[in-house]
Amino acid sequence: MTVLINQTGACTTVPLALSTTTPTTLYTATQFDAVLGLRVTNTHSSAVVVTVELVRSATSYAIIDQSVAANTSIEGPDYLPMKEGDVLKVTLGSANPVDVVAVIMQGAGRNG
């Protein structure tokens, strides 16, 4: 499948610092947006399980669900199209500090 991106969309960086096991919203799409990059960094001295999910119409889809070793990072998808109302949520398996950064193209549009 070929996806063409509307180059007029604005890119923004969405940072989130977490240390709770409560599911936390990272980003809510306001139109046809796209995740261009996602990085999760465990800043704690112990491993932590991190789950990043896309929630669409009350159904959750796991994007990342893995243990992140102490003081290391993992990266998510290079491209994830989102529809208006889609939500990216992050949940930690333990209350250890984790930083999540997403690069979002707002209004990326989609054709193809």
PDB file of N, CA and C in Angstrom:
ATOM      1  N   MET A   1       0.846  -1.176   0.000  1.00  0.00           N
ATOM      2  CA  MET A   1       0.000   0.000   0.000  1.00  0.00           C
ATOM      3  C   MET A   1       0.888   1.234   0.000  1.00  0.00           C
ATOM      4  N   THR A   2       0.555   2.178  -0.821  1.00  0.00           N
ATOM      5  CA  THR A   2       1.265   3.451  -0.881  1.00  0.00           C
ATOM      6  C   THR A   2       0.424   4.509  -0.184  1.00  0.00           C
ATOM      7  N   VAL A   3       1.055   5.250   0.710  1.00  0.00           N
ATOM      8  CA  VAL A   3       0.375   6.331   1.414  1.00  0.00           C
ATOM      9  C   VAL A   3       1.089   7.626   1.066  1.00  0.00           C
ATOM     10  N   LEU A   4       0.353   8.579   0.557  1.00  0.00           N
ATOM     11  CA  LEU A   4       0.914   9.886   0.231  1.00  0.00           C
ATOM     12  C   LEU A   4       0.546  10.867   1.329  1.00  0.00           C
ATOM     13  N   ILE A   5       1.527  11.599   1.810  1.00  0.00           N
ATOM     14  CA  ILE A   5       1.304  12.545   2.903  1.00  0.00           C
ATOM     15  C   ILE A   5       1.152  13.946   2.339  1.00  0.00           C
ATOM     16  N   ASN A   6       0.140  14.660   2.808  1.00  0.00           N
ATOM     17  CA  ASN A   6      -0.061  16.058   2.456  1.00  0.00           C
ATOM     18  C   ASN A   6       1.038  16.871   3.144  1.00  0.00           C
ATOM     19  N   GLN A   7       1.934  17.443   2.387  1.00  0.00           N
ATOM     20  CA  GLN A   7       3.080  18.139   2.949  1.00  0.00           C
ATOM     21  C   GLN A   7       2.728  19.450   3.639  1.00  0.00           C
ATOM     22  N   THR A   8       1.479  19.876   3.604  1.00  0.00           N
ATOM     23  CA  THR A   8       1.113  21.129   4.253  1.00  0.00           C
ATOM     24  C   THR A   8       0.818  20.944   5.744  1.00  0.00           C
ATOM     25  N   GLY A   9       0.794  19.715   6.223  1.00  0.00           N
ATOM     26  CA  GLY A   9       0.534  19.463   7.639  1.00  0.00           C
ATOM     27  C   GLY A   9       1.645  20.024   8.515  1.00  0.00           C
ATOM     28  N   ALA A  10       1.300  20.441   9.722  1.00  0.00           N
ATOM     29  CA  ALA A  10       2.277  20.980  10.670  1.00  0.00           C
ATOM     30  C   ALA A  10       2.785  19.867  11.572  1.00  0.00           C
ATOM     31  N   CYS A  11       4.103  19.789  11.766  1.00  0.00           N
ATOM     32  CA  CYS A  11       4.679  18.799  12.663  1.00  0.00           C
ATOM     33  C   CYS A  11       4.792  19.376  14.067  1.00  0.00           C
ATOM     34  N   THR A  12       4.543  18.533  15.041  1.00  0.00           N
ATOM     35  CA  THR A  12       4.683  18.938  16.427  1.00  0.00           C
ATOM     36  C   THR A  12       5.268  17.782  17.225  1.00  0.00           C
ATOM     37  N   THR A  13       6.001  18.112  18.265  1.00  0.00           N
ATOM     38  CA  THR A  13       6.559  17.109  19.164  1.00  0.00           C
ATOM     39  C   THR A  13       5.699  17.085  20.422  1.00  0.00           C
ATOM     40  N   VAL A  14       5.295  15.871  20.822  1.00  0.00           N
ATOM     41  CA  VAL A  14       4.431  15.717  21.989  1.00  0.00           C
ATOM     42  C   VAL A  14       5.195  14.927  23.054  1.00  0.00           C
ATOM     43  N   PRO A  15       5.696  15.608  24.095  1.00  0.00           N
ATOM     44  CA  PRO A  15       6.416  14.909  25.162  1.00  0.00           C
ATOM     45  C   PRO A  15       5.484  14.548  26.319  1.00  0.00           C
ATOM     46  N   LEU A  16       5.805  13.443  26.990  1.00  0.00           N
ATOM     47  CA  LEU A  16       5.020  13.018  28.149  1.00  0.00           C
ATOM     48  C   LEU A  16       5.961  12.345  29.137  1.00  0.00           C
ATOM     49  N   ALA A  17       5.996  12.833  30.374  1.00  0.00           N
ATOM     50  CA  ALA A  17       6.774  12.210  31.439  1.00  0.00           C
ATOM     51  C   ALA A  17       5.791  11.478  32.352  1.00  0.00           C
ATOM     52  N   LEU A  18       6.008  10.176  32.523  1.00  0.00           N
ATOM     53  CA  LEU A  18       5.088   9.354  33.319  1.00  0.00           C
ATOM     54  C   LEU A  18       5.799   8.693  34.482  1.00  0.00           C
ATOM     55  N   SER A  19       5.052   8.425  35.542  1.00  0.00           N
ATOM     56  CA  SER A  19       5.527   7.588  36.649  1.00  0.00           C
ATOM     57  C   SER A  19       4.316   7.029  37.391  1.00  0.00           C
ATOM     58  N   THR A  20       3.298   6.657  36.630  1.00  0.00           N
ATOM     59  CA  THR A  20       2.076   6.116  37.201  1.00  0.00           C
ATOM     60  C   THR A  20       1.584   4.959  36.340  1.00  0.00           C
ATOM     61  N   THR A  21       0.840   4.053  36.930  1.00  0.00           N
ATOM     62  CA  THR A  21       0.310   2.911  36.182  1.00  0.00           C
ATOM     63  C   THR A  21      -1.065   3.200  35.576  1.00  0.00           C
ATOM     64  N   THR A  22      -1.564   4.399  35.763  1.00  0.00           N
ATOM     65  CA  THR A  22      -2.852   4.799  35.193  1.00  0.00           C
ATOM     66  C   THR A  22      -2.686   5.059  33.691  1.00  0.00           C
ATOM     67  N   PRO A  23      -3.554   4.499  32.834  1.00  0.00           N
ATOM     68  CA  PRO A  23      -3.470   4.814  31.404  1.00  0.00           C
ATOM     69  C   PRO A  23      -3.552   6.333  31.191  1.00  0.00           C
ATOM     70  N   THR A  24      -2.618   6.866  30.420  1.00  0.00           N
ATOM     71  CA  THR A  24      -2.507   8.304  30.228  1.00  0.00           C
ATOM     72  C   THR A  24      -2.550   8.637  28.740  1.00  0.00           C
ATOM     73  N   THR A  25      -3.343   9.630  28.388  1.00  0.00           N
ATOM     74  CA  THR A  25      -3.442  10.044  26.991  1.00  0.00           C
ATOM     75  C   THR A  25      -2.189  10.807  26.580  1.00  0.00           C
ATOM     76  N   LEU A  26      -1.574  10.346  25.498  1.00  0.00           N
ATOM     77  CA  LEU A  26      -0.426  11.023  24.916  1.00  0.00           C
ATOM     78  C   LEU A  26      -0.882  12.028  23.866  1.00  0.00           C
ATOM     79  N   TYR A  27      -1.862  11.619  23.039  1.00  0.00           N
ATOM     80  CA  TYR A  27      -2.309  12.492  21.956  1.00  0.00           C
ATOM     81  C   TYR A  27      -3.691  12.069  21.487  1.00  0.00           C
ATOM     82  N   THR A  28      -4.514  13.050  21.138  1.00  0.00           N
ATOM     83  CA  THR A  28      -5.820  12.808  20.531  1.00  0.00           C
ATOM     84  C   THR A  28      -5.845  13.479  19.168  1.00  0.00           C
ATOM     85  N   ALA A  29      -6.125  12.694  18.128  1.00  0.00           N
ATOM     86  CA  ALA A  29      -6.154  13.233  16.768  1.00  0.00           C
ATOM     87  C   ALA A  29      -7.367  14.128  16.578  1.00  0.00           C
ATOM     88  N   THR A  30      -7.141  15.280  15.952  1.00  0.00           N
ATOM     89  CA  THR A  30      -8.233  16.220  15.693  1.00  0.00           C
ATOM     90  C   THR A  30      -8.669  16.183  14.232  1.00  0.00           C
ATOM     91  N   GLN A  31      -7.924  15.447  13.418  1.00  0.00           N
ATOM     92  CA  GLN A  31      -8.226  15.302  11.997  1.00  0.00           C
ATOM     93  C   GLN A  31      -7.462  14.076  11.512  1.00  0.00           C
ATOM     94  N   PHE A  32      -7.154  13.976  10.251  1.00  0.00           N
ATOM     95  CA  PHE A  32      -6.317  12.878   9.774  1.00  0.00           C
ATOM     96  C   PHE A  32      -4.866  13.237  10.059  1.00  0.00           C
ATOM     97  N   ASP A  33      -4.401  12.857  11.254  1.00  0.00           N
ATOM     98  CA  ASP A  33      -3.040  13.123  11.692  1.00  0.00           C
ATOM     99  C   ASP A  33      -2.203  11.859  11.494  1.00  0.00           C
ATOM    100  N   ALA A  34      -0.902  11.967  11.690  1.00  0.00           N
ATOM    101  CA  ALA A  34      -0.032  10.802  11.560  1.00  0.00           C
ATOM    102  C   ALA A  34       1.106  10.879  12.566  1.00  0.00           C
ATOM    103  N   VAL A  35       1.391   9.749  13.204  1.00  0.00           N
ATOM    104  CA  VAL A  35       2.567   9.636  14.057  1.00  0.00           C
ATOM    105  C   VAL A  35       3.738   9.345  13.131  1.00  0.00           C
ATOM    106  N   LEU A  36       4.742  10.209  13.158  1.00  0.00           N
ATOM    107  CA  LEU A  36       5.924  10.032  12.321  1.00  0.00           C
ATOM    108  C   LEU A  36       7.064   9.379  13.080  1.00  0.00           C
ATOM    109  N   GLY A  37       6.963   9.316  14.395  1.00  0.00           N
ATOM    110  CA  GLY A  37       7.976   8.681  15.224  1.00  0.00           C
ATOM    111  C   GLY A  37       7.509   8.624  16.659  1.00  0.00           C
ATOM    112  N   LEU A  38       7.980   7.601  17.374  1.00  0.00           N
ATOM    113  CA  LEU A  38       7.588   7.413  18.771  1.00  0.00           C
ATOM    114  C   LEU A  38       8.773   6.801  19.509  1.00  0.00           C
ATOM    115  N   ARG A  39       9.173   7.427  20.601  1.00  0.00           N
ATOM    116  CA  ARG A  39      10.319   6.934  21.390  1.00  0.00           C
ATOM    117  C   ARG A  39       9.921   6.861  22.853  1.00  0.00           C
ATOM    118  N   VAL A  40      10.252   5.743  23.487  1.00  0.00           N
ATOM    119  CA  VAL A  40       9.982   5.521  24.904  1.00  0.00           C
ATOM    120  C   VAL A  40      11.322   5.322  25.598  1.00  0.00           C
ATOM    121  N   THR A  41      11.589   6.117  26.636  1.00  0.00           N
ATOM    122  CA  THR A  41      12.854   6.027  27.366  1.00  0.00           C
ATOM    123  C   THR A  41      12.576   5.747  28.837  1.00  0.00           C
ATOM    124  N   ASN A  42      13.156   4.660  29.329  1.00  0.00           N
ATOM    125  CA  ASN A  42      13.052   4.310  30.736  1.00  0.00           C
ATOM    126  C   ASN A  42      14.193   5.008  31.468  1.00  0.00           C
ATOM    127  N   THR A  43      13.868   5.970  32.303  1.00  0.00           N
ATOM    128  CA  THR A  43      14.881   6.737  33.024  1.00  0.00           C
ATOM    129  C   THR A  43      15.134   6.191  34.428  1.00  0.00           C
ATOM    130  N   HIS A  44      14.584   5.019  34.721  1.00  0.00           N
ATOM    131  CA  HIS A  44      14.693   4.401  36.044  1.00  0.00           C
ATOM    132  C   HIS A  44      15.774   3.313  36.036  1.00  0.00           C
ATOM    133  N   SER A  45      16.157   2.863  37.215  1.00  0.00           N
ATOM    134  CA  SER A  45      17.204   1.851  37.347  1.00  0.00           C
ATOM    135  C   SER A  45      16.676   0.415  37.252  1.00  0.00           C
ATOM    136  N   SER A  46      15.366   0.256  37.029  1.00  0.00           N
ATOM    137  CA  SER A  46      14.762  -1.067  36.855  1.00  0.00           C
ATOM    138  C   SER A  46      13.960  -1.091  35.559  1.00  0.00           C
ATOM    139  N   ALA A  47      13.815  -2.282  35.004  1.00  0.00           N
ATOM    140  CA  ALA A  47      13.012  -2.433  33.783  1.00  0.00           C
ATOM    141  C   ALA A  47      11.547  -2.117  34.074  1.00  0.00           C
ATOM    142  N   VAL A  48      10.838  -1.679  33.046  1.00  0.00           N
ATOM    143  CA  VAL A  48       9.412  -1.386  33.173  1.00  0.00           C
ATOM    144  C   VAL A  48       8.712  -1.827  31.885  1.00  0.00           C
ATOM    145  N   VAL A  49       7.534  -2.420  32.036  1.00  0.00           N
ATOM    146  CA  VAL A  49       6.724  -2.787  30.878  1.00  0.00           C
ATOM    147  C   VAL A  49       5.939  -1.554  30.440  1.00  0.00           C
ATOM    148  N   VAL A  50       6.021  -1.244  29.155  1.00  0.00           N
ATOM    149  CA  VAL A  50       5.330  -0.084  28.605  1.00  0.00           C
ATOM    150  C   VAL A  50       4.369  -0.554  27.525  1.00  0.00           C
ATOM    151  N   THR A  51       3.138  -0.081  27.614  1.00  0.00           N
ATOM    152  CA  THR A  51       2.133  -0.367  26.591  1.00  0.00           C
ATOM    153  C   THR A  51       1.683   0.950  25.986  1.00  0.00           C
ATOM    154  N   VAL A  52       1.794   1.039  24.662  1.00  0.00           N
ATOM    155  CA  VAL A  52       1.270   2.182  23.921  1.00  0.00           C
ATOM    156  C   VAL A  52       0.185   1.623  23.028  1.00  0.00           C
ATOM    157  N   GLU A  53      -0.998   2.200  23.103  1.00  0.00           N
ATOM    158  CA  GLU A  53      -2.101   1.694  22.298  1.00  0.00           C
ATOM    159  C   GLU A  53      -2.818   2.805  21.568  1.00  0.00           C
ATOM    160  N   LEU A  54      -3.348   2.430  20.424  1.00  0.00           N
ATOM    161  CA  LEU A  54      -4.221   3.301  19.650  1.00  0.00           C
ATOM    162  C   LEU A  54      -5.639   2.911  20.011  1.00  0.00           C
ATOM    163  N   VAL A  55      -6.434   3.875  20.465  1.00  0.00           N
ATOM    164  CA  VAL A  55      -7.834   3.618  20.809  1.00  0.00           C
ATOM    165  C   VAL A  55      -8.698   4.273  19.743  1.00  0.00           C
ATOM    166  N   ARG A  56      -9.498   3.436  19.074  1.00  0.00           N
ATOM    167  CA  ARG A  56     -10.398   3.909  18.022  1.00  0.00           C
ATOM    168  C   ARG A  56     -11.779   3.333  18.298  1.00  0.00           C
ATOM    169  N   SER A  57     -12.747   4.224  18.477  1.00  0.00           N
ATOM    170  CA  SER A  57     -14.141   3.794  18.721  1.00  0.00           C
ATOM    171  C   SER A  57     -14.222   2.791  19.862  1.00  0.00           C
ATOM    172  N   ALA A  58     -13.552   3.070  20.964  1.00  0.00           N
ATOM    173  CA  ALA A  58     -13.560   2.270  22.197  1.00  0.00           C
ATOM    174  C   ALA A  58     -12.864   0.923  22.051  1.00  0.00           C
ATOM    175  N   THR A  59     -12.174   0.670  20.941  1.00  0.00           N
ATOM    176  CA  THR A  59     -11.383  -0.552  20.774  1.00  0.00           C
ATOM    177  C   THR A  59      -9.908  -0.180  20.818  1.00  0.00           C
ATOM    178  N   SER A  60      -9.135  -0.926  21.633  1.00  0.00           N
ATOM    179  CA  SER A  60      -7.705  -0.648  21.791  1.00  0.00           C
ATOM    180  C   SER A  60      -6.872  -1.590  20.934  1.00  0.00           C
ATOM    181  N   TYR A  61      -5.850  -1.023  20.297  1.00  0.00           N
ATOM    182  CA  TYR A  61      -4.914  -1.784  19.478  1.00  0.00           C
ATOM    183  C   TYR A  61      -3.506  -1.519  19.991  1.00  0.00           C
ATOM    184  N   ALA A  62      -2.793  -2.575  20.396  1.00  0.00           N
ATOM    185  CA  ALA A  62      -1.443  -2.412  20.937  1.00  0.00           C
ATOM    186  C   ALA A  62      -0.470  -2.000  19.837  1.00  0.00           C
ATOM    187  N   ILE A  63       0.263  -0.939  20.077  1.00  0.00           N
ATOM    188  CA  ILE A  63       1.307  -0.466  19.175  1.00  0.00           C
ATOM    189  C   ILE A  63       2.661  -0.927  19.716  1.00  0.00           C
ATOM    190  N   ILE A  64       2.852  -0.751  21.004  1.00  0.00           N
ATOM    191  CA  ILE A  64       4.036  -1.242  21.726  1.00  0.00           C
ATOM    192  C   ILE A  64       3.536  -1.926  22.983  1.00  0.00           C
ATOM    193  N   ASP A  65       4.098  -3.071  23.305  1.00  0.00           N
ATOM    194  CA  ASP A  65       3.795  -3.769  24.559  1.00  0.00           C
ATOM    195  C   ASP A  65       5.023  -4.597  24.909  1.00  0.00           C
ATOM    196  N   GLN A  66       5.982  -3.949  25.573  1.00  0.00           N
ATOM    197  CA  GLN A  66       7.214  -4.661  25.873  1.00  0.00           C
ATOM    198  C   GLN A  66       7.932  -4.060  27.076  1.00  0.00           C
ATOM    199  N   SER A  67       8.843  -4.846  27.613  1.00  0.00           N
ATOM    200  CA  SER A  67       9.662  -4.399  28.724  1.00  0.00           C
ATOM    201  C   SER A  67      10.795  -3.528  28.185  1.00  0.00           C
ATOM    202  N   VAL A  68      11.013  -2.415  28.846  1.00  0.00           N
ATOM    203  CA  VAL A  68      12.106  -1.517  28.479  1.00  0.00           C
ATOM    204  C   VAL A  68      13.135  -1.596  29.603  1.00  0.00           C
ATOM    205  N   ALA A  69      14.330  -2.018  29.261  1.00  0.00           N
ATOM    206  CA  ALA A  69      15.391  -2.166  30.251  1.00  0.00           C
ATOM    207  C   ALA A  69      15.745  -0.819  30.879  1.00  0.00           C
ATOM    208  N   ALA A  70      16.375  -0.888  32.046  1.00  0.00           N
ATOM    209  CA  ALA A  70      16.782   0.329  32.764  1.00  0.00           C
ATOM    210  C   ALA A  70      17.659   1.213  31.900  1.00  0.00           C
ATOM    211  N   ASN A  71      17.349   2.502  31.916  1.00  0.00           N
ATOM    212  CA  ASN A  71      18.153   3.522  31.231  1.00  0.00           C
ATOM    213  C   ASN A  71      18.371   3.227  29.747  1.00  0.00           C
ATOM    214  N   THR A  72      17.331   2.712  29.090  1.00  0.00           N
ATOM    215  CA  THR A  72      17.397   2.469  27.647  1.00  0.00           C
ATOM    216  C   THR A  72      16.136   3.009  26.992  1.00  0.00           C
ATOM    217  N   SER A  73      16.158   2.995  25.650  1.00  0.00           N
ATOM    218  CA  SER A  73      15.022   3.490  24.878  1.00  0.00           C
ATOM    219  C   SER A  73      14.597   2.456  23.846  1.00  0.00           C
ATOM    220  N   ILE A  74      13.328   2.526  23.451  1.00  0.00           N
ATOM    221  CA  ILE A  74      12.818   1.749  22.327  1.00  0.00           C
ATOM    222  C   ILE A  74      12.072   2.714  21.420  1.00  0.00           C
ATOM    223  N   GLU A  75      11.917   2.310  20.166  1.00  0.00           N
ATOM    224  CA  GLU A  75      11.199   3.151  19.225  1.00  0.00           C
ATOM    225  C   GLU A  75       9.984   2.419  18.686  1.00  0.00           C
ATOM    226  N   GLY A  76       8.949   3.186  18.405  1.00  0.00           N
ATOM    227  CA  GLY A  76       7.714   2.633  17.872  1.00  0.00           C
ATOM    228  C   GLY A  76       7.664   2.758  16.370  1.00  0.00           C
ATOM    229  N   PRO A  77       6.467   2.761  15.819  1.00  0.00           N
ATOM    230  CA  PRO A  77       6.326   2.778  14.362  1.00  0.00           C
ATOM    231  C   PRO A  77       6.860   4.070  13.747  1.00  0.00           C
ATOM    232  N   ASP A  78       7.354   3.944  12.510  1.00  0.00           N
ATOM    233  CA  ASP A  78       7.831   5.121  11.778  1.00  0.00           C
ATOM    234  C   ASP A  78       6.676   5.915  11.196  1.00  0.00           C
ATOM    235  N   TYR A  79       5.549   5.247  11.002  1.00  0.00           N
ATOM    236  CA  TYR A  79       4.379   5.934  10.438  1.00  0.00           C
ATOM    237  C   TYR A  79       3.121   5.245  10.922  1.00  0.00           C
ATOM    238  N   LEU A  80       2.232   6.015  11.535  1.00  0.00           N
ATOM    239  CA  LEU A  80       0.970   5.477  12.019  1.00  0.00           C
ATOM    240  C   LEU A  80      -0.128   6.490  11.721  1.00  0.00           C
ATOM    241  N   PRO A  81      -0.948   6.228  10.695  1.00  0.00           N
ATOM    242  CA  PRO A  81      -2.031   7.163  10.390  1.00  0.00           C
ATOM    243  C   PRO A  81      -3.110   7.110  11.464  1.00  0.00           C
ATOM    244  N   MET A  82      -3.701   8.259  11.757  1.00  0.00           N
ATOM    245  CA  MET A  82      -4.760   8.354  12.761  1.00  0.00           C
ATOM    246  C   MET A  82      -5.951   9.091  12.161  1.00  0.00           C
ATOM    247  N   LYS A  83      -7.137   8.676  12.590  1.00  0.00           N
ATOM    248  CA  LYS A  83      -8.375   9.361  12.199  1.00  0.00           C
ATOM    249  C   LYS A  83      -8.786  10.322  13.301  1.00  0.00           C
ATOM    250  N   GLU A  84      -9.633  11.270  12.957  1.00  0.00           N
ATOM    251  CA  GLU A  84     -10.152  12.201  13.954  1.00  0.00           C
ATOM    252  C   GLU A  84     -10.780  11.422  15.106  1.00  0.00           C
ATOM    253  N   GLY A  85     -10.382  11.750  16.333  1.00  0.00           N
ATOM    254  CA  GLY A  85     -10.911  11.093  17.527  1.00  0.00           C
ATOM    255  C   GLY A  85     -10.077   9.922  18.017  1.00  0.00           C
ATOM    256  N   ASP A  86      -9.129   9.430  17.210  1.00  0.00           N
ATOM    257  CA  ASP A  86      -8.229   8.377  17.677  1.00  0.00           C
ATOM    258  C   ASP A  86      -7.383   8.910  18.829  1.00  0.00           C
ATOM    259  N   VAL A  87      -7.066   8.031  19.780  1.00  0.00           N
ATOM    260  CA  VAL A  87      -6.299   8.431  20.963  1.00  0.00           C
ATOM    261  C   VAL A  87      -5.105   7.499  21.124  1.00  0.00           C
ATOM    262  N   LEU A  88      -3.932   8.071  21.378  1.00  0.00           N
ATOM    263  CA  LEU A  88      -2.757   7.295  21.766  1.00  0.00           C
ATOM    264  C   LEU A  88      -2.672   7.327  23.279  1.00  0.00           C
ATOM    265  N   LYS A  89      -2.646   6.149  23.906  1.00  0.00           N
ATOM    266  CA  LYS A  89      -2.549   6.058  25.368  1.00  0.00           C
ATOM    267  C   LYS A  89      -1.320   5.264  25.751  1.00  0.00           C
ATOM    268  N   VAL A  90      -0.740   5.636  26.887  1.00  0.00           N
ATOM    269  CA  VAL A  90       0.446   4.961  27.410  1.00  0.00           C
ATOM    270  C   VAL A  90       0.122   4.449  28.800  1.00  0.00           C
ATOM    271  N   THR A  91       0.500   3.175  29.065  1.00  0.00           N
ATOM    272  CA  THR A  91       0.304   2.577  30.379  1.00  0.00           C
ATOM    273  C   THR A  91       1.606   1.916  30.803  1.00  0.00           C
ATOM    274  N   LEU A  92       1.994   2.145  32.050  1.00  0.00           N
ATOM    275  CA  LEU A  92       3.199   1.530  32.598  1.00  0.00           C
ATOM    276  C   LEU A  92       2.819   0.355  33.486  1.00  0.00           C
ATOM    277  N   GLY A  93       3.667  -0.693  33.464  1.00  0.00           N
ATOM    278  CA  GLY A  93       3.430  -1.861  34.308  1.00  0.00           C
ATOM    279  C   GLY A  93       3.804  -1.611  35.757  1.00  0.00           C
ATOM    280  N   SER A  94       4.651  -0.624  36.003  1.00  0.00           N
ATOM    281  CA  SER A  94       5.025  -0.226  37.360  1.00  0.00           C
ATOM    282  C   SER A  94       5.264   1.282  37.361  1.00  0.00           C
ATOM    283  N   ALA A  95       5.217   1.870  38.535  1.00  0.00           N
ATOM    284  CA  ALA A  95       5.285   3.333  38.651  1.00  0.00           C
ATOM    285  C   ALA A  95       6.724   3.838  38.619  1.00  0.00           C
ATOM    286  N   ASN A  96       7.458   3.445  37.586  1.00  0.00           N
ATOM    287  CA  ASN A  96       8.828   3.925  37.387  1.00  0.00           C
ATOM    288  C   ASN A  96       8.815   5.045  36.355  1.00  0.00           C
ATOM    289  N   PRO A  97       9.724   6.023  36.474  1.00  0.00           N
ATOM    290  CA  PRO A  97       9.705   7.141  35.534  1.00  0.00           C
ATOM    291  C   PRO A  97      10.078   6.740  34.103  1.00  0.00           C
ATOM    292  N   VAL A  98       9.232   7.154  33.174  1.00  0.00           N
ATOM    293  CA  VAL A  98       9.415   6.883  31.746  1.00  0.00           C
ATOM    294  C   VAL A  98       9.073   8.154  30.983  1.00  0.00           C
ATOM    295  N   ASP A  99       9.871   8.458  29.957  1.00  0.00           N
ATOM    296  CA  ASP A  99       9.582   9.581  29.071  1.00  0.00           C
ATOM    297  C   ASP A  99       9.130   9.030  27.724  1.00  0.00           C
ATOM    298  N   VAL A 100       8.079   9.623  27.177  1.00  0.00           N
ATOM    299  CA  VAL A 100       7.566   9.241  25.866  1.00  0.00           C
ATOM    300  C   VAL A 100       7.529  10.496  25.010  1.00  0.00           C
ATOM    301  N   VAL A 101       8.047  10.380  23.782  1.00  0.00           N
ATOM    302  CA  VAL A 101       8.027  11.514  22.860  1.00  0.00           C
ATOM    303  C   VAL A 101       7.497  11.023  21.519  1.00  0.00           C
ATOM    304  N   ALA A 102       6.475  11.700  21.025  1.00  0.00           N
ATOM    305  CA  ALA A 102       5.909  11.385  19.711  1.00  0.00           C
ATOM    306  C   ALA A 102       6.080  12.595  18.804  1.00  0.00           C
ATOM    307  N   VAL A 103       6.363  12.327  17.539  1.00  0.00           N
ATOM    308  CA  VAL A 103       6.381  13.373  16.525  1.00  0.00           C
ATOM    309  C   VAL A 103       5.125  13.168  15.686  1.00  0.00           C
ATOM    310  N   ILE A 104       4.279  14.188  15.656  1.00  0.00           N
ATOM    311  CA  ILE A 104       2.971  14.101  15.000  1.00  0.00           C
ATOM    312  C   ILE A 104       2.903  15.094  13.853  1.00  0.00           C
ATOM    313  N   MET A 105       2.407  14.630  12.712  1.00  0.00           N
ATOM    314  CA  MET A 105       2.073  15.551  11.628  1.00  0.00           C
ATOM    315  C   MET A 105       0.566  15.777  11.695  1.00  0.00           C
ATOM    316  N   GLN A 106       0.197  16.985  12.039  1.00  0.00           N
ATOM    317  CA  GLN A 106      -1.218  17.316  12.162  1.00  0.00           C
ATOM    318  C   GLN A 106      -1.771  17.650  10.775  1.00  0.00           C
ATOM    319  N   GLY A 107      -2.924  17.074  10.489  1.00  0.00           N
ATOM    320  CA  GLY A 107      -3.542  17.330   9.198  1.00  0.00           C
ATOM    321  C   GLY A 107      -2.754  16.717   8.056  1.00  0.00           C
ATOM    322  N   ALA A 108      -2.160  15.548   8.307  1.00  0.00           N
ATOM    323  CA  ALA A 108      -1.344  14.893   7.297  1.00  0.00           C
ATOM    324  C   ALA A 108      -2.178  14.520   6.074  1.00  0.00           C
ATOM    325  N   GLY A 109      -3.459  14.246   6.321  1.00  0.00           N
ATOM    326  CA  GLY A 109      -4.318  13.816   5.219  1.00  0.00           C
ATOM    327  C   GLY A 109      -3.912  12.448   4.736  1.00  0.00           C
ATOM    328  N   ARG A 110      -4.656  11.923   3.812  1.00  0.00           N
ATOM    329  CA  ARG A 110      -4.349  10.617   3.289  1.00  0.00           C
ATOM    330  C   ARG A 110      -4.905  10.498   1.886  1.00  0.00           C
ATOM    331  N   ASN A 111      -4.128   9.902   1.034  1.00  0.00           N
ATOM    332  CA  ASN A 111      -4.574   9.705  -0.344  1.00  0.00           C
ATOM    333  C   ASN A 111      -3.919   8.431  -0.855  1.00  0.00           C
ATOM    334  N   GLY A 112      -4.719   7.392  -1.086  1.00  0.00           N
ATOM    335  CA  GLY A 112      -4.143   6.163  -1.603  1.00  0.00           C
ATOM    336  C   GLY A 112      -4.227   5.039  -0.657  1.00  0.00           C
TER     337      GLY A 112
END
